[in-house]
Protein backbone atom coordinates (compact mmCIF):
# COMPACT_ATOMS: atom_id res chain seq x y z
CA SER A 1 6.76 24.57 8.64
CA ARG A 2 4.80 27.76 8.14
CA TRP A 3 6.39 31.21 7.99
CA ILE A 4 5.15 33.94 10.31
CA LYS A 5 6.31 37.35 9.02
CA SER A 6 3.79 39.95 10.16
CA ALA A 7 4.01 39.96 13.94
CA ASP A 8 4.60 43.57 15.02
CA LYS A 9 4.98 42.64 18.65
CA VAL A 10 6.88 39.71 20.08
CA GLY A 11 3.98 38.81 22.37
CA GLN A 12 1.67 38.34 19.40
CA ALA A 13 4.02 36.04 17.53
CA GLY A 14 3.28 32.93 19.55
CA ASP A 15 -0.45 33.39 19.03
CA LEU A 16 0.01 33.88 15.29
CA ALA A 17 2.21 30.79 15.02
CA ALA A 18 -0.25 28.63 16.94
CA GLN A 19 -3.20 29.94 14.94
CA ALA A 20 -1.38 29.31 11.63
CA TRP A 21 -0.55 25.76 12.63
CA GLU A 22 -4.05 24.97 13.85
CA ALA A 23 -5.69 26.49 10.77
CA SER A 24 -3.51 24.39 8.49
CA PHE A 25 -3.25 21.10 10.30
CA GLY A 26 -5.57 20.99 13.28
CA PRO A 27 -4.47 20.73 16.93
CA GLU A 28 -1.36 18.62 16.33
CA PRO A 29 2.01 19.40 17.93
CA GLY A 30 4.64 20.03 15.30
CA PRO A 31 7.39 22.33 14.02
CA VAL A 32 6.60 25.96 13.22
CA SER A 33 9.21 28.39 11.84
CA LEU A 34 8.91 31.79 13.50
CA ILE A 35 10.71 34.65 11.70
CA LEU A 36 11.11 37.90 13.64
CA PRO A 37 12.74 41.23 12.73
CA ALA A 38 16.34 41.76 13.85
CA ASP A 39 15.40 44.48 16.37
CA THR A 40 13.53 41.86 18.38
CA ALA A 41 16.89 41.19 20.04
CA TRP A 42 17.14 44.65 21.64
CA LEU A 43 13.75 46.37 21.67
CA GLU A 44 11.34 46.04 24.57
CA GLY A 45 8.82 43.29 23.96
CA GLY A 46 5.12 43.79 23.49
CA LYS A 47 2.26 42.46 25.57
CA PRO A 48 2.59 38.71 26.21
CA GLY A 49 0.16 36.61 24.25
CA ALA A 50 -2.52 34.53 25.89
CA THR A 51 -1.52 31.15 27.27
CA ARG A 52 -2.74 28.40 24.98
CA ALA A 53 -3.51 24.83 25.85
CA ARG A 54 -0.99 22.31 24.56
CA PRO A 55 -2.37 20.63 21.42
CA SER A 56 -3.21 16.97 21.84
CA LEU A 57 -3.52 14.07 19.45
CA ARG A 58 -7.00 13.32 18.17
CA GLN A 59 -8.79 10.34 19.65
CA PRO A 60 -10.41 7.54 17.64
CA ASP A 61 -13.68 8.18 15.87
CA THR A 62 -16.17 5.47 16.86
CA ILE A 63 -17.99 5.37 13.54
CA THR A 64 -14.73 5.15 11.59
CA ILE A 65 -13.52 2.30 13.79
CA ASP A 66 -16.77 0.38 13.37
CA VAL A 67 -16.60 0.78 9.58
CA ALA A 68 -12.97 -0.39 9.59
CA ALA A 69 -13.78 -3.43 11.74
CA ALA A 70 -16.60 -4.41 9.38
CA ALA A 71 -14.24 -4.04 6.41
CA VAL A 72 -11.65 -6.26 8.10
CA LYS A 73 -14.22 -8.98 8.75
CA SER A 74 -15.20 -9.04 5.08
CA ALA A 75 -11.62 -8.86 3.72
CA SER A 76 -9.59 -11.92 2.83
CA LYS A 77 -6.11 -10.42 3.37
CA PRO A 78 -6.29 -7.20 5.40
CA ILE A 79 -3.23 -5.20 6.45
CA ILE A 80 -2.68 -2.13 8.61
CA ILE A 81 0.21 0.33 8.33
CA ILE A 82 1.10 2.08 11.58
CA ASN A 83 3.27 4.90 12.87
CA GLY A 84 3.24 7.43 15.71
CA THR A 85 2.09 6.34 19.18
CA ALA A 86 1.29 2.89 17.79
CA LEU A 87 5.05 2.26 17.90
CA THR A 88 5.35 2.83 21.64
CA GLU A 89 5.46 -0.21 23.89
CA ALA A 90 1.81 0.29 24.83
CA GLY A 91 0.82 0.83 21.19
CA LEU A 92 2.61 -2.32 20.05
CA ALA A 93 0.73 -4.32 22.69
CA GLN A 94 -2.48 -3.23 20.96
CA ALA A 95 -0.96 -3.98 17.55
CA ALA A 96 -0.37 -7.53 18.76
CA ARG A 97 -4.10 -7.83 19.46
CA VAL A 98 -4.94 -6.56 15.97
CA LYS A 99 -2.49 -9.09 14.52
CA ALA A 100 -4.15 -11.90 16.48
CA ALA A 101 -7.48 -10.83 14.94
CA GLY A 102 -6.12 -11.66 11.49
CA VAL A 103 -4.70 -8.33 10.30
CA ARG A 104 -1.11 -8.14 9.10
CA VAL A 105 0.66 -5.24 10.85
CA LEU A 106 3.38 -3.19 9.13
CA THR A 107 5.21 -0.02 10.05
CA ASP A 108 6.20 2.69 7.61
CA THR A 109 9.61 2.12 6.01
CA PHE A 110 10.96 4.92 8.19
CA PHE A 111 9.59 6.13 11.52
CA PRO A 112 10.71 8.61 14.19
CA ARG A 113 10.90 6.07 17.03
CA GLN A 114 9.89 2.49 17.78
CA ALA A 115 10.08 0.41 20.95
CA ARG A 116 11.82 -2.87 20.08
CA GLY A 117 13.46 -5.93 21.53
CA ALA A 118 12.54 -8.68 23.96
CA GLY A 119 9.02 -8.48 25.38
CA ARG A 120 7.67 -6.39 22.52
CA PHE A 121 5.59 -7.29 19.48
CA ILE A 122 7.51 -7.28 16.19
CA PRO A 123 5.52 -5.72 13.34
CA ASP A 124 6.59 -6.15 9.74
CA ARG A 125 8.13 -3.17 7.97
CA MET A 126 7.32 -1.68 4.57
CA GLN A 127 10.09 -2.42 2.11
CA TYR A 128 12.14 0.50 0.81
CA PHE A 129 12.20 -0.22 -2.92
CA ALA A 130 8.83 0.24 -4.58
CA GLU A 131 8.81 -3.02 -6.54
CA GLY A 132 9.79 -4.97 -3.42
CA ALA A 133 7.03 -3.31 -1.41
CA MET A 134 4.42 -4.05 -4.08
CA SER A 135 5.50 -7.68 -4.29
CA ASP A 136 5.32 -8.01 -0.50
CA LEU A 137 1.80 -6.49 -0.40
CA GLU A 138 0.48 -8.48 -3.37
CA GLY A 139 -2.91 -10.03 -2.70
CA SER A 140 -3.86 -7.63 0.09
CA ASP A 141 -7.41 -6.42 -0.42
CA LEU A 142 -7.72 -3.92 2.46
CA MET A 143 -5.11 -1.43 3.69
CA LEU A 144 -5.91 0.37 6.94
CA ILE A 145 -3.84 3.45 7.81
CA ALA A 146 -3.24 4.49 11.44
CA GLY A 147 -0.92 7.32 12.50
CA THR A 148 0.47 7.87 9.01
CA GLN A 149 -0.49 8.29 5.33
CA VAL A 150 -1.06 6.01 2.35
CA PRO A 151 2.47 4.76 1.52
CA VAL A 152 4.40 6.12 -1.43
CA ALA A 153 7.80 5.27 -2.86
CA PHE A 154 10.74 7.24 -1.49
CA PHE A 155 11.83 8.20 -5.00
CA ALA A 156 9.93 8.24 -8.30
CA TYR A 157 11.41 6.33 -11.22
CA PRO A 158 10.21 5.62 -14.77
CA GLY A 159 8.19 2.45 -14.98
CA LYS A 160 8.06 1.90 -11.22
CA PRO A 161 5.03 2.49 -8.97
CA SER A 162 4.81 5.60 -6.81
CA VAL A 163 1.70 4.94 -4.68
CA LEU A 164 2.32 1.62 -2.92
CA VAL A 165 -1.19 0.20 -2.95
CA PRO A 166 -1.53 -3.04 -4.93
CA GLU A 167 -4.25 -3.51 -7.51
CA GLY A 168 -7.52 -4.63 -5.94
CA CYS A 169 -6.59 -3.27 -2.51
CA THR A 170 -8.80 -0.62 -0.86
CA PRO A 171 -6.94 1.94 1.28
CA MET A 172 -8.90 3.17 4.33
CA LYS A 173 -7.50 5.91 6.54
CA ILE A 174 -8.66 5.47 10.13
CA GLY A 175 -6.24 8.02 11.53
CA GLY A 176 -3.46 10.25 10.16
CA PRO A 177 -0.33 11.60 11.87
CA GLU A 178 -2.50 13.96 13.95
CA THR A 179 -4.21 11.05 15.74
CA ASP A 180 -3.37 8.88 18.73
CA SER A 181 -2.68 5.72 16.74
CA ALA A 182 -2.17 3.59 19.87
CA ALA A 183 -5.72 4.44 20.97
CA ILE A 184 -6.95 3.67 17.44
CA LEU A 185 -5.38 0.21 17.58
CA GLU A 186 -6.96 -0.46 20.96
CA ALA A 187 -10.38 0.61 19.70
CA LEU A 188 -9.98 -1.48 16.54
CA ALA A 189 -8.90 -4.56 18.52
CA ASP A 190 -11.94 -4.14 20.77
CA ALA A 191 -14.25 -3.78 17.76
CA LEU A 192 -12.77 -6.95 16.26
CA GLY A 193 -13.35 -8.81 19.53
CA ALA A 194 -9.64 -9.60 19.92
CA LYS A 195 -9.26 -11.53 23.17
CA GLU A 196 -5.72 -12.77 22.51
CA ALA A 197 -2.51 -11.14 21.33
CA ALA A 198 0.18 -12.25 18.92
CA PRO A 199 3.43 -13.44 20.55
CA VAL A 200 6.07 -10.93 21.58
CA ALA A 201 9.79 -11.25 20.95
CA GLU A 202 11.83 -13.49 23.22
CA LEU A 203 15.42 -12.58 24.06
CA ASP A 204 17.71 -14.23 21.50
CA LEU A 205 21.29 -12.98 21.31
CA PRO A 206 23.65 -14.20 18.57
CA GLY A 207 27.06 -15.69 19.23
CA ALA A 208 30.32 -13.89 18.62
CA PRO A 209 30.79 -13.22 14.88
CA THR A 210 34.04 -14.18 13.16
CA GLY A 211 35.70 -13.54 9.84
CA ALA A 212 35.05 -10.70 7.45
CA LEU A 213 33.65 -7.42 8.71
CA ASN A 214 30.40 -6.53 6.96
CA ALA A 215 26.93 -5.24 7.74
CA ALA A 216 25.78 -8.67 8.99
CA THR A 217 28.66 -9.30 11.40
CA ILE A 218 28.35 -5.73 12.70
CA GLY A 219 24.63 -6.32 13.27
CA ALA A 220 25.41 -9.48 15.24
CA SER A 221 27.82 -7.62 17.52
CA ILE A 222 25.31 -4.82 18.10
CA ALA A 223 22.64 -7.35 19.04
CA ARG A 224 25.08 -9.07 21.43
CA HIS A 225 26.37 -6.04 23.28
CA MET A 226 23.74 -3.28 23.14
CA PRO A 227 22.64 -2.55 26.73
CA GLU A 228 19.00 -2.64 27.77
CA GLY A 229 17.31 0.73 27.43
CA SER A 230 19.61 1.98 24.66
CA PHE A 231 18.59 4.50 22.05
CA VAL A 232 19.67 3.73 18.49
CA SER A 233 20.05 6.55 15.96
CA ASP A 234 20.02 4.84 12.56
CA ASP A 235 21.62 6.69 9.66
CA GLY A 236 23.31 3.56 8.36
CA VAL A 237 21.70 3.98 4.93
CA SER A 238 22.79 1.06 2.69
CA ASN A 239 24.48 -0.85 5.56
CA GLY A 240 21.93 -0.29 8.32
CA LEU A 241 19.28 -2.93 7.54
CA PRO A 242 21.11 -5.99 8.96
CA SER A 243 21.59 -4.21 12.28
CA PHE A 244 17.87 -3.42 12.36
CA LEU A 245 16.86 -6.99 11.60
CA MET A 246 19.33 -8.65 13.95
CA THR A 247 18.28 -6.56 16.96
CA GLN A 248 14.58 -7.48 16.83
CA ARG A 249 15.13 -9.93 19.72
CA ALA A 250 17.89 -8.02 21.49
CA ARG A 251 17.51 -6.40 24.89
CA PRO A 252 14.68 -3.82 24.99
CA HIS A 253 15.65 -0.57 23.28
CA ASP A 254 14.28 2.32 21.19
CA TRP A 255 15.12 2.71 17.50
CA MET A 256 15.10 6.14 15.82
CA MET A 257 15.28 6.46 12.05
CA LEU A 258 15.97 8.88 9.25
CA THR A 259 12.51 10.05 8.12
CA GLY A 260 13.18 13.00 5.84
CA GLY A 261 15.52 11.46 3.27
CA ALA A 262 18.43 13.88 3.82
CA ILE A 263 21.34 11.82 5.15
CA GLY A 264 23.37 13.24 8.01
CA GLN A 265 20.94 13.33 10.94
CA GLY A 266 22.46 10.30 12.70
CA MET A 267 25.10 11.95 14.87
CA PRO A 268 23.08 15.07 15.83
CA LEU A 269 20.05 12.90 16.65
CA ALA A 270 22.21 10.63 18.81
CA LEU A 271 23.61 13.66 20.61
CA GLY A 272 20.11 14.98 21.32
CA ALA A 273 18.90 11.62 22.62
CA SER A 274 21.92 11.29 24.90
CA LEU A 275 21.46 14.77 26.34
CA ALA A 276 17.76 14.07 26.92
CA ALA A 277 18.44 10.75 28.66
CA PRO A 278 22.05 10.82 29.90
CA ALA A 279 21.69 7.65 31.97
CA ARG A 280 20.90 5.60 28.84
CA LYS A 281 23.46 4.52 26.26
CA THR A 282 22.94 5.82 22.74
CA LEU A 283 24.23 4.01 19.66
CA CYS A 284 24.70 5.93 16.41
CA ILE A 285 25.13 3.86 13.26
CA THR A 286 26.04 5.95 10.24
CA GLY A 287 27.67 5.69 6.86
CA ASP A 288 30.86 7.61 6.17
CA GLY A 289 29.02 9.66 3.54
CA ALA A 290 26.18 10.48 5.92
CA GLY A 291 28.61 11.18 8.76
CA MET A 292 30.56 13.70 6.72
CA TYR A 293 27.51 15.96 6.59
CA THR A 294 27.45 16.50 10.35
CA ASN A 295 30.64 15.11 11.89
CA GLN A 296 30.97 18.32 13.94
CA ALA A 297 28.45 16.65 16.28
CA LEU A 298 31.44 14.64 17.56
CA TRP A 299 32.92 17.83 19.01
CA SER A 300 29.64 18.54 20.80
CA MET A 301 29.54 14.96 22.12
CA ALA A 302 33.01 15.43 23.57
CA ARG A 303 32.13 18.83 25.03
CA GLU A 304 29.00 17.45 26.71
CA GLY A 305 30.46 14.07 27.70
CA ALA A 306 27.58 12.38 25.89
CA ASN A 307 27.26 8.60 26.25
CA VAL A 308 27.17 7.95 22.49
CA VAL A 309 28.85 5.02 20.76
CA ASN A 310 29.32 5.96 17.09
CA VAL A 311 29.74 3.18 14.54
CA VAL A 312 30.78 4.51 11.13
CA PHE A 313 30.47 2.18 8.13
CA VAL A 314 33.57 3.15 6.16
CA ASN A 315 33.26 2.08 2.52
CA HIS A 316 34.61 5.27 0.90
CA SER A 317 31.43 5.72 -1.11
CA TYR A 318 28.01 7.33 -1.15
CA ARG A 319 26.74 3.81 -1.82
CA ILE A 320 23.03 4.61 -1.58
CA LEU A 321 23.44 7.30 -4.24
CA ASN A 322 25.16 4.79 -6.52
CA ILE A 323 22.21 2.45 -6.02
CA GLU A 324 19.65 5.16 -6.71
CA LEU A 325 21.56 6.36 -9.78
CA ALA A 326 21.51 2.84 -11.19
CA ARG A 327 17.75 2.66 -10.61
CA THR A 328 17.11 5.70 -12.78
CA GLY A 329 18.07 3.65 -15.83
CA ALA A 330 20.78 6.14 -16.75
CA GLY A 331 23.31 3.37 -17.37
CA ASN A 332 26.73 2.87 -15.82
CA PRO A 333 28.14 6.09 -14.32
CA GLY A 334 31.12 7.56 -16.10
CA PRO A 335 34.36 8.68 -14.44
CA ALA A 336 32.99 12.11 -13.50
CA ALA A 337 29.88 10.67 -11.84
CA GLN A 338 31.92 8.01 -10.05
CA GLU A 339 34.23 10.68 -8.69
CA LEU A 340 31.29 12.68 -7.36
CA LEU A 341 29.87 9.63 -5.55
CA GLY A 342 33.16 8.40 -4.12
CA LEU A 343 34.86 9.26 -0.83
CA GLY A 344 38.26 7.72 -1.51
CA HIS A 345 40.20 10.63 -3.01
CA PRO A 346 41.46 11.47 -0.49
CA GLU A 347 40.40 8.79 2.00
CA ILE A 348 38.92 10.06 5.24
CA ASP A 349 40.75 8.91 8.35
CA TRP A 350 37.84 8.61 10.78
CA VAL A 351 40.06 7.81 13.76
CA LYS A 352 42.06 11.01 13.33
CA LEU A 353 38.91 13.01 12.52
CA SER A 354 37.22 11.77 15.68
CA GLU A 355 40.24 12.19 17.94
CA ALA A 356 40.76 15.72 16.62
CA GLN A 357 37.31 16.57 18.00
CA GLY A 358 37.92 14.92 21.37
CA VAL A 359 36.22 11.55 20.83
CA PRO A 360 38.36 8.41 21.39
CA ALA A 361 38.30 6.19 18.31
CA VAL A 362 39.55 2.87 16.93
CA SER A 363 39.43 1.13 13.56
CA ALA A 364 38.10 -2.39 12.97
CA THR A 365 38.81 -4.44 9.85
CA ASN A 366 37.44 -7.86 10.85
CA ALA A 367 34.54 -9.20 12.90
CA GLU A 368 36.64 -10.11 15.93
CA GLU A 369 38.21 -6.65 16.15
CA PHE A 370 34.84 -4.96 15.87
CA ASP A 371 33.14 -7.18 18.45
CA LEU A 372 35.82 -6.44 21.04
CA ALA A 373 35.86 -2.73 20.21
CA LEU A 374 32.08 -2.46 20.56
CA GLU A 375 32.07 -4.28 23.89
CA ARG A 376 34.70 -1.87 25.21
CA ALA A 377 32.91 1.18 23.79
CA PHE A 378 29.64 0.32 25.53
CA ALA A 379 31.52 -0.23 28.80
CA ALA A 380 33.27 3.15 28.62
CA ASP A 381 31.94 6.50 29.78
CA GLY A 382 31.52 9.36 27.34
CA PRO A 383 31.52 9.32 23.54
CA GLN A 384 33.36 6.67 21.52
CA LEU A 385 33.79 5.97 17.81
CA ILE A 386 34.52 2.82 15.83
CA ALA A 387 35.52 3.12 12.19
CA ALA A 388 34.17 -0.13 10.75
CA HIS A 389 35.83 -0.81 7.38
CA VAL A 390 33.32 -2.69 5.22
CA PRO A 391 33.28 -3.60 1.52
CA ALA A 392 32.11 -0.90 -0.89
CA ARG A 393 29.65 -3.36 -2.49
């Protein structure tokens, strides 16, 4: 965001904001913080600013695409990392062509939204931990970038890589976040002479899970019961990955992820998606630590009658913070650190917390209970919550 402080008249503020954005980043839509004096609320406004054309994403550059295609043809193990419009259904269809031309396709670790499920191409995904990502990319000699930036580790740690480009690999940016990455993929596929496309996902739903309740059995139930056209708001943090992996061949849906690193966006994001598309079901998967940042969104869901099914992984711990603390090399946390990262003193009763804000809720402690609860929650109207009690580790 950029701060706009010097607008004397309200009508000039929009122009100043747009000019500041365009001067800094080019004609890309994006967030701008506009700060106005308090008397804006009661004084008469100034002259309205001129109407400006809506910024649009930049189209592919022909020369850049030709250079990239030539580099792919001379590489032995090329990859491309995609984000933005490349993750729409139309963009993924072009990604499948690029894959068929011999280029491995990966998404960023986190992305705002991706079309997924049956009938759609499944790209690989950058691993979260730096050493895992580097191992996965080992041997790649060309890294194309479309709709994003050169990948970096989410956190920096001593002795671990920060820029995730393996030795001997040449990064080549063919389009940043300001570009139409779906159009870039189409142009690249054409330049590579891609006549075919890689296979798309076929519908493959798991059977009913049984036994212990954990991230894997929860993922199986989600894949089984999630309706076609659902939105998924993923703030599952340390427990979310199995649900992501097990829904790759579920009914067609859209997956929205935490991109900024500050846990807690899951419930508000789910609320916004539901209000924007009330006819579609929205699933929010969140950890109990993440959910405690913004659980007041439950009250808004109840007030608006939002069709959101909330699944809270209850493990009484900020587990991801425990993991990251261990990765700093600081040794085992002492009692004070453990207390700061725990959520068990006192335990949070998510059923009571949810019901107090007007959202019906149930607890599940085994796979059978959860599977039945999720089936009923998707069938119900309005917001629902399932407190899924999973192991802390």
